[in-house]
C-alpha atoms as a PDB file:
ATOM      1  CA  MET A   1       0.000   0.000   0.000  1.00  0.00           C
ATOM      2  CA  SER A   2       1.465   3.353  -0.989  1.00  0.00           C
ATOM      3  CA  ALA A   3       1.414   6.496   1.127  1.00  0.00           C
ATOM      4  CA  CYS A   4      -1.181   8.166  -1.124  1.00  0.00           C
ATOM      5  CA  THR A   5      -3.525   5.198  -0.826  1.00  0.00           C
ATOM      6  CA  ALA A   6      -3.092   5.069   2.949  1.00  0.00           C
ATOM      7  CA  ILE A   7      -3.803   8.807   3.258  1.00  0.00           C
ATOM      8  CA  ALA A   8      -6.920   8.482   1.084  1.00  0.00           C
ATOM      9  CA  ASN A   9      -8.187   5.581   3.227  1.00  0.00           C
ATOM     10  CA  ILE A  10      -7.521   7.507   6.438  1.00  0.00           C
ATOM     11  CA  GLN A  11      -9.275  10.578   4.994  1.00  0.00           C
ATOM     12  CA  SER A  12     -12.389   8.576   4.101  1.00  0.00           C
ATOM     13  CA  VAL A  13     -12.578   7.099   7.608  1.00  0.00           C
ATOM     14  CA  PHE A  14     -11.985  10.522   9.137  1.00  0.00           C
ATOM     15  CA  LYS A  15     -14.760  12.117   7.039  1.00  0.00           C
ATOM     16  CA  ARG A  16     -17.176   9.345   7.907  1.00  0.00           C
ATOM     17  CA  PHE A  17     -16.724   9.763  11.691  1.00  0.00           C
ATOM     18  CA  ASN A  18     -16.025  13.507  11.863  1.00  0.00           C
ATOM     19  CA  PRO A  19     -17.410  15.264   8.753  1.00  0.00           C
ATOM     20  CA  GLU A  20     -17.402  18.774  10.308  1.00  0.00           C
ATOM     21  CA  GLN A  21     -13.654  18.945  10.772  1.00  0.00           C
ATOM     22  CA  PRO A  22     -11.256  19.391   7.855  1.00  0.00           C
ATOM     23  CA  PHE A  23      -8.783  16.560   7.339  1.00  0.00           C
ATOM     24  CA  GLN A  24      -5.285  17.900   8.007  1.00  0.00           C
ATOM     25  CA  TYR A  25      -2.147  15.834   8.332  1.00  0.00           C
ATOM     26  CA  THR A  26       1.586  16.319   8.573  1.00  0.00           C
ATOM     27  CA  PHE A  27       4.471  13.918   8.295  1.00  0.00           C
ATOM     28  CA  ILE A  28       6.724  13.596  11.298  1.00  0.00           C
ATOM     29  CA  ASP A  29       9.907  13.906   9.233  1.00  0.00           C
ATOM     30  CA  GLY A  30       8.754  17.323   8.047  1.00  0.00           C
ATOM     31  CA  ALA A  31       8.033  18.400  11.610  1.00  0.00           C
ATOM     32  CA  TYR A  32      11.480  17.272  12.758  1.00  0.00           C
ATOM     33  CA  ALA A  33      13.144  18.930   9.779  1.00  0.00           C
ATOM     34  CA  GLN A  34      11.390  22.178  10.633  1.00  0.00           C
ATOM     35  CA  LYS A  35      12.219  21.877  14.333  1.00  0.00           C
ATOM     36  CA  PHE A  36      15.891  20.972  13.965  1.00  0.00           C
ATOM     37  CA  GLY A  37      16.753  22.743  10.705  1.00  0.00           C
ATOM     38  CA  ASN A  38      17.602  25.924  12.551  1.00  0.00           C
ATOM     39  CA  GLU A  39      19.773  24.023  15.049  1.00  0.00           C
ATOM     40  CA  GLN A  40      21.707  22.356  12.223  1.00  0.00           C
ATOM     41  CA  ARG A  41      22.266  25.717  10.541  1.00  0.00           C
ATOM     42  CA  ILE A  42      23.535  27.211  13.803  1.00  0.00           C
ATOM     43  CA  GLY A  43      25.778  24.157  14.290  1.00  0.00           C
ATOM     44  CA  ARG A  44      27.384  24.563  10.874  1.00  0.00           C
ATOM     45  CA  LEU A  45      27.960  28.285  11.476  1.00  0.00           C
ATOM     46  CA  ALA A  46      29.397  27.607  14.939  1.00  0.00           C
ATOM     47  CA  ALA A  47      31.770  24.971  13.532  1.00  0.00           C
ATOM     48  CA  PHE A  48      32.966  27.348  10.815  1.00  0.00           C
ATOM     49  CA  PHE A  49      33.568  30.231  13.208  1.00  0.00           C
ATOM     50  CA  ALA A  50      35.186  27.936  15.798  1.00  0.00           C
ATOM     51  CA  GLY A  51      37.632  26.736  13.147  1.00  0.00           C
ATOM     52  CA  LEU A  52      38.319  30.327  12.143  1.00  0.00           C
ATOM     53  CA  ALA A  53      38.879  31.309  15.794  1.00  0.00           C
ATOM     54  CA  ILE A  54      41.266  28.388  16.318  1.00  0.00           C
ATOM     55  CA  PHE A  55      43.226  29.366  13.196  1.00  0.00           C
ATOM     56  CA  ILE A  56      43.484  33.009  14.295  1.00  0.00           C
ATOM     57  CA  SER A  57      44.506  32.026  17.822  1.00  0.00           C
ATOM     58  CA  CYS A  58      47.189  29.701  16.397  1.00  0.00           C
ATOM     59  CA  LEU A  59      48.526  32.628  14.380  1.00  0.00           C
ATOM     60  CA  GLY A  60      48.581  34.706  17.568  1.00  0.00           C
ATOM     61  CA  LEU A  61      50.363  31.931  19.457  1.00  0.00           C
ATOM     62  CA  PHE A  62      52.851  31.597  16.628  1.00  0.00           C
ATOM     63  CA  GLY A  63      53.555  35.332  16.775  1.00  0.00           C
ATOM     64  CA  MET A  64      53.854  35.340  20.560  1.00  0.00           C
ATOM     65  CA  ALA A  65      56.245  32.370  20.459  1.00  0.00           C
ATOM     66  CA  SER A  66      58.346  34.119  17.847  1.00  0.00           C
ATOM     67  CA  PHE A  67      58.458  37.302  19.916  1.00  0.00           C
ATOM     68  CA  MET A  68      59.215  35.414  23.113  1.00  0.00           C
ATOM     69  CA  THR A  69      62.114  33.467  21.600  1.00  0.00           C
ATOM     70  CA  GLU A  70      63.559  36.669  20.141  1.00  0.00           C
ATOM     71  CA  GLN A  71      63.394  38.318  23.561  1.00  0.00           C
ATOM     72  CA  ARG A  72      65.026  35.347  25.282  1.00  0.00           C
ATOM     73  CA  VAL A  73      67.788  34.568  22.772  1.00  0.00           C
ATOM     74  CA  LYS A  74      70.581  35.381  25.204  1.00  0.00           C
ATOM     75  CA  GLU A  75      68.932  33.355  27.983  1.00  0.00           C
ATOM     76  CA  ILE A  76      68.680  30.398  25.612  1.00  0.00           C
ATOM     77  CA  GLY A  77      72.325  30.820  24.586  1.00  0.00           C
ATOM     78  CA  VAL A  78      73.515  30.947  28.201  1.00  0.00           C
ATOM     79  CA  GLY A  79      71.418  27.890  29.016  1.00  0.00           C
ATOM     80  CA  LYS A  80      72.957  25.981  26.097  1.00  0.00           C
ATOM     81  CA  MET A  81      76.464  27.036  27.169  1.00  0.00           C
ATOM     82  CA  LEU A  82      75.758  25.726  30.681  1.00  0.00           C
ATOM     83  CA  GLY A  83      74.636  22.349  29.319  1.00  0.00           C
ATOM     84  CA  ALA A  84      70.869  22.593  29.030  1.00  0.00           C
ATOM     85  CA  THR A  85      69.328  20.082  26.648  1.00  0.00           C
ATOM     86  CA  VAL A  86      66.887  20.941  23.871  1.00  0.00           C
ATOM     87  CA  PHE A  87      64.106  19.342  25.919  1.00  0.00           C
ATOM     88  CA  ASN A  88      64.950  21.469  28.975  1.00  0.00           C
ATOM     89  CA  LEU A  89      64.900  24.646  26.905  1.00  0.00           C
ATOM     90  CA  TRP A  90      61.668  23.599  25.181  1.00  0.00           C
ATOM     91  CA  ARG A  91      60.065  22.905  28.560  1.00  0.00           C
ATOM     92  CA  LEU A  92      61.264  26.264  29.911  1.00  0.00           C
ATOM     93  CA  LEU A  93      59.871  28.215  26.975  1.00  0.00           C
ATOM     94  CA  SER A  94      56.617  26.239  26.712  1.00  0.00           C
ATOM     95  CA  ALA A  95      55.765  26.410  30.414  1.00  0.00           C
ATOM     96  CA  ASP A  96      54.432  29.970  30.115  1.00  0.00           C
ATOM     97  CA  PHE A  97      52.053  28.977  27.348  1.00  0.00           C
ATOM     98  CA  ILE A  98      50.903  25.826  29.133  1.00  0.00           C
ATOM     99  CA  SER A  99      50.070  27.806  32.262  1.00  0.00           C
ATOM    100  CA  LEU A 100      48.067  30.307  30.202  1.00  0.00           C
ATOM    101  CA  VAL A 101      46.128  27.514  28.486  1.00  0.00           C
ATOM    102  CA  MET A 102      45.420  25.832  31.817  1.00  0.00           C
ATOM    103  CA  LEU A 103      44.164  29.123  33.263  1.00  0.00           C
ATOM    104  CA  SER A 104      41.909  29.677  30.269  1.00  0.00           C
ATOM    105  CA  LEU A 105      40.542  26.131  30.597  1.00  0.00           C
ATOM    106  CA  LEU A 106      39.783  26.711  34.272  1.00  0.00           C
ATOM    107  CA  LEU A 107      37.861  29.859  33.379  1.00  0.00           C
ATOM    108  CA  ALA A 108      36.107  28.565  30.266  1.00  0.00           C
ATOM    109  CA  THR A 109      34.987  25.113  31.454  1.00  0.00           C
ATOM    110  CA  PRO A 110      32.334  26.253  33.976  1.00  0.00           C
ATOM    111  CA  ILE A 111      31.017  28.849  31.547  1.00  0.00           C
ATOM    112  CA  ALA A 112      30.797  26.299  28.730  1.00  0.00           C
ATOM    113  CA  PHE A 113      29.092  23.791  31.026  1.00  0.00           C
ATOM    114  CA  TYR A 114      26.521  26.367  32.103  1.00  0.00           C
ATOM    115  CA  LEU A 115      25.768  27.482  28.542  1.00  0.00           C
ATOM    116  CA  MET A 116      25.527  23.917  27.221  1.00  0.00           C
ATOM    117  CA  TYR A 117      23.290  22.861  30.092  1.00  0.00           C
ATOM    118  CA  ASN A 118      20.914  25.777  29.490  1.00  0.00           C
ATOM    119  CA  TRP A 119      20.852  25.134  25.743  1.00  0.00           C
ATOM    120  CA  LEU A 120      19.969  21.463  26.273  1.00  0.00           C
ATOM    121  CA  GLN A 121      17.043  22.395  28.523  1.00  0.00           C
ATOM    122  CA  HIS A 122      15.109  23.607  25.456  1.00  0.00           C
ATOM    123  CA  PHE A 123      14.714  20.044  24.152  1.00  0.00           C
ATOM    124  CA  ASP A 124      12.136  17.483  25.218  1.00  0.00           C
ATOM    125  CA  TYR A 125      14.641  14.639  25.069  1.00  0.00           C
ATOM    126  CA  ARG A 126      18.142  15.570  26.109  1.00  0.00           C
ATOM    127  CA  THR A 127      21.451  14.001  26.893  1.00  0.00           C
ATOM    128  CA  GLY A 128      23.720  14.662  29.809  1.00  0.00           C
ATOM    129  CA  ILE A 129      26.978  16.555  29.586  1.00  0.00           C
ATOM    130  CA  SER A 130      29.913  14.227  30.198  1.00  0.00           C
ATOM    131  CA  ALA A 131      33.231  15.240  31.684  1.00  0.00           C
ATOM    132  CA  TRP A 132      35.117  13.534  28.844  1.00  0.00           C
ATOM    133  CA  ILE A 133      34.009  16.317  26.465  1.00  0.00           C
ATOM    134  CA  PHE A 134      35.875  18.891  28.524  1.00  0.00           C
ATOM    135  CA  ILE A 135      38.876  16.614  29.064  1.00  0.00           C
ATOM    136  CA  VAL A 136      39.267  15.923  25.335  1.00  0.00           C
ATOM    137  CA  THR A 137      38.776  19.601  24.516  1.00  0.00           C
ATOM    138  CA  GLY A 138      41.383  20.673  27.064  1.00  0.00           C
ATOM    139  CA  PHE A 139      43.855  18.049  25.879  1.00  0.00           C
ATOM    140  CA  THR A 140      43.322  19.142  22.259  1.00  0.00           C
ATOM    141  CA  ALA A 141      43.886  22.783  23.209  1.00  0.00           C
ATOM    142  CA  LEU A 142      47.135  21.847  24.960  1.00  0.00           C
ATOM    143  CA  VAL A 143      48.336  19.790  21.993  1.00  0.00           C
ATOM    144  CA  ILE A 144      47.522  22.572  19.509  1.00  0.00           C
ATOM    145  CA  THR A 145      49.327  25.087  21.735  1.00  0.00           C
ATOM    146  CA  LEU A 146      52.401  22.894  22.113  1.00  0.00           C
ATOM    147  CA  LEU A 147      52.555  22.160  18.387  1.00  0.00           C
ATOM    148  CA  THR A 148      52.252  25.834  17.550  1.00  0.00           C
ATOM    149  CA  VAL A 149      54.826  26.983  20.110  1.00  0.00           C
ATOM    150  CA  SER A 150      57.256  24.106  19.600  1.00  0.00           C
ATOM    151  CA  LEU A 151      58.355  25.215  16.141  1.00  0.00           C
ATOM    152  CA  HIS A 152      59.973  28.382  17.432  1.00  0.00           C
ATOM    153  CA  THR A 153      61.170  27.018  20.737  1.00  0.00           C
ATOM    154  CA  ILE A 154      62.926  24.002  19.252  1.00  0.00           C
ATOM    155  CA  LYS A 155      64.399  26.123  16.472  1.00  0.00           C
ATOM    156  CA  ALA A 156      65.764  28.569  19.066  1.00  0.00           C
ATOM    157  CA  ALA A 157      67.067  25.728  21.227  1.00  0.00           C
ATOM    158  CA  LEU A 158      68.927  24.169  18.285  1.00  0.00           C
ATOM    159  CA  THR A 159      70.720  27.358  17.207  1.00  0.00           C
ATOM    160  CA  CYS A 160      74.376  27.726  17.986  1.00  0.00           C
ATOM    161  CA  PRO A 161      74.713  29.465  21.377  1.00  0.00           C
ATOM    162  CA  ILE A 162      77.736  31.473  20.243  1.00  0.00           C
ATOM    163  CA  LYS A 163      75.711  33.138  17.471  1.00  0.00           C
ATOM    164  CA  SER A 164      72.927  34.054  19.875  1.00  0.00           C
ATOM    165  CA  LEU A 165      75.346  35.505  22.414  1.00  0.00           C
ATOM    166  CA  LYS A 166      77.229  37.504  19.725  1.00  0.00           C
ATOM    167  CA  SER A 167      74.105  39.198  18.407  1.00  0.00           C
ATOM    168  CA  GLU A 168      73.350  42.722  19.625  1.00  0.00           C
END
């Protein structure tokens, strides 16, 4: 039986038992598409702008790492002359950025939880907010930060210390 035949049969039964009322019907997939179409559109826009924000922040981190290594060239050179390894210098230069990311995660996590919780309250059926979402997000932010900063810090740590101490 096709959908058109089923609708015609339902309409005839409806008219027989309730002839005063007009026969109106909607399909549930259309109702869901109407209800969640706006949410999907907002989700796509949010994903695009989140990606753009991450790219811009990586550019800012890259610039800050470049500036920081330029400012600390002599400190890096002295550290290399005194026997510091590349890992020690990388850890020294990356620690500032890691602490800033951790501080931002501590500030942003409760705000994000609150906003997500309130947004989910608008739905009849909702899911809970798991801690793993925030853990994975924080870990990803740390990895992106370390990858962005590591290029300059490792490059500065591998330069010849004599050249860095001679400059200026």
